C-alpha atoms as a PDB file:
ATOM      1  CA  MET A   1     -21.733  18.008 -25.970  1.00  0.00           C
ATOM      2  CA  ILE A   2     -24.082  19.644 -28.516  1.00  0.00           C
ATOM      3  CA  ALA A   3     -24.978  17.862 -31.739  1.00  0.00           C
ATOM      4  CA  ASP A   4     -24.857  19.880 -34.941  1.00  0.00           C
ATOM      5  CA  SER A   5     -28.222  19.276 -36.646  1.00  0.00           C
ATOM      6  CA  ASP A   6     -28.036  22.133 -39.176  1.00  0.00           C
ATOM      7  CA  ARG A   7     -25.947  20.203 -41.681  1.00  0.00           C
ATOM      8  CA  HIS A   8     -28.676  17.650 -42.440  1.00  0.00           C
ATOM      9  CA  THR A   9     -31.685  19.941 -42.915  1.00  0.00           C
ATOM     10  CA  SER A  10     -31.081  20.762 -46.590  1.00  0.00           C
ATOM     11  CA  MET A  11     -31.127  17.195 -47.916  1.00  0.00           C
ATOM     12  CA  HIS A  12     -33.265  16.819 -51.081  1.00  0.00           C
ATOM     13  CA  LEU A  13     -35.546  19.826 -50.600  1.00  0.00           C
ATOM     14  CA  ASP A  14     -35.598  20.562 -54.329  1.00  0.00           C
ATOM     15  CA  PRO A  15     -38.466  19.026 -56.336  1.00  0.00           C
ATOM     16  CA  PRO A  16     -37.479  16.039 -58.477  1.00  0.00           C
ATOM     17  CA  THR A  17     -36.434  16.808 -62.023  1.00  0.00           C
ATOM     18  CA  THR A  18     -38.805  15.982 -64.872  1.00  0.00           C
ATOM     19  CA  TRP A  19     -36.773  13.056 -66.219  1.00  0.00           C
ATOM     20  CA  THR A  20     -37.016  11.176 -62.910  1.00  0.00           C
ATOM     21  CA  GLN A  21     -40.740  10.614 -63.446  1.00  0.00           C
ATOM     22  CA  VAL A  22     -40.508   9.204 -66.979  1.00  0.00           C
ATOM     23  CA  TRP A  23     -40.365   5.491 -67.814  1.00  0.00           C
ATOM     24  CA  HIS A  24     -38.016   4.647 -70.685  1.00  0.00           C
ATOM     25  CA  LEU A  25     -36.943   1.421 -72.381  1.00  0.00           C
ATOM     26  CA  TRP A  26     -33.593   0.106 -71.301  1.00  0.00           C
ATOM     27  CA  THR A  27     -31.568  -3.026 -72.027  1.00  0.00           C
ATOM     28  CA  VAL A  28     -30.396  -4.846 -68.909  1.00  0.00           C
ATOM     29  CA  ILE A  29     -27.561  -7.346 -69.257  1.00  0.00           C
ATOM     30  CA  VAL A  30     -26.991  -8.101 -65.566  1.00  0.00           C
ATOM     31  CA  PRO A  31     -30.355  -9.146 -64.007  1.00  0.00           C
ATOM     32  CA  ARG A  32     -31.992  -6.557 -61.749  1.00  0.00           C
ATOM     33  CA  ARG A  33     -34.864  -6.728 -59.264  1.00  0.00           C
ATOM     34  CA  SER A  34     -38.168  -5.392 -60.549  1.00  0.00           C
ATOM     35  CA  ILE A  35     -40.695  -3.446 -58.475  1.00  0.00           C
ATOM     36  CA  THR A  36     -42.419  -6.781 -57.767  1.00  0.00           C
ATOM     37  CA  GLY A  37     -39.183  -8.398 -56.565  1.00  0.00           C
ATOM     38  CA  ARG A  38     -38.598 -10.652 -59.571  1.00  0.00           C
ATOM     39  CA  LEU A  39     -35.398 -10.677 -61.608  1.00  0.00           C
ATOM     40  CA  VAL A  40     -35.654  -8.933 -64.974  1.00  0.00           C
ATOM     41  CA  HIS A  41     -33.212  -8.790 -67.888  1.00  0.00           C
ATOM     42  CA  GLY A  42     -33.246  -7.863 -71.552  1.00  0.00           C
ATOM     43  CA  ARG A  43     -35.611  -5.018 -72.544  1.00  0.00           C
ATOM     44  CA  VAL A  44     -37.172  -3.441 -69.440  1.00  0.00           C
ATOM     45  CA  TRP A  45     -38.903  -0.227 -68.403  1.00  0.00           C
ATOM     46  CA  ARG A  46     -36.677   1.882 -66.158  1.00  0.00           C
ATOM     47  CA  ARG A  47     -37.340   5.017 -64.073  1.00  0.00           C
ATOM     48  CA  HIS A  48     -35.357   6.871 -61.437  1.00  0.00           C
ATOM     49  CA  ASP A  49     -37.287   7.730 -58.269  1.00  0.00           C
ATOM     50  CA  GLY A  50     -34.747  10.283 -57.045  1.00  0.00           C
ATOM     51  CA  HIS A  51     -32.794   7.717 -55.020  1.00  0.00           C
ATOM     52  CA  ARG A  52     -32.484   4.566 -57.121  1.00  0.00           C
ATOM     53  CA  TRP A  53     -33.477   2.996 -60.439  1.00  0.00           C
ATOM     54  CA  ILE A  54     -36.787   1.126 -60.594  1.00  0.00           C
ATOM     55  CA  TYR A  55     -37.342  -1.602 -63.214  1.00  0.00           C
ATOM     56  CA  LYS A  56     -40.495  -3.136 -64.719  1.00  0.00           C
ATOM     57  CA  LYS A  57     -40.791  -6.036 -67.141  1.00  0.00           C
ATOM     58  CA  PHE A  58     -41.330  -4.966 -70.769  1.00  0.00           C
ATOM     59  CA  ILE A  59     -43.921  -7.031 -72.605  1.00  0.00           C
ATOM     60  CA  GLU A  60     -43.895  -6.665 -76.374  1.00  0.00           C
ATOM     61  CA  TYR A  61     -47.120  -7.480 -78.126  1.00  0.00           C
ATOM     62  CA  ALA A  62     -46.959  -9.098 -81.552  1.00  0.00           C
ATOM     63  CA  HIS A  63     -48.646  -7.065 -84.269  1.00  0.00           C
ATOM     64  CA  ASP A  64     -50.693  -9.442 -86.434  1.00  0.00           C
ATOM     65  CA  GLY A  65     -51.124  -6.972 -89.322  1.00  0.00           C
ATOM     66  CA  SER A  66     -54.910  -7.307 -89.517  1.00  0.00           C
ATOM     67  CA  GLU A  67     -55.549  -3.667 -88.666  1.00  0.00           C
END
């Protein structure tokens, strides 16, 4: 019996598209795991790594108006 290995050689040889490397703000309703393993929800940073979505906690700094 000979295994057919030619069918699996062309998996993901193209370079990732530009949008996969950009972090963008996203609103998460159902909690997701962040890159550190914690659960995040609400406003988060989100990026696609070519295989899955990656999430980071979004921290909003209060602007005190003194500038």
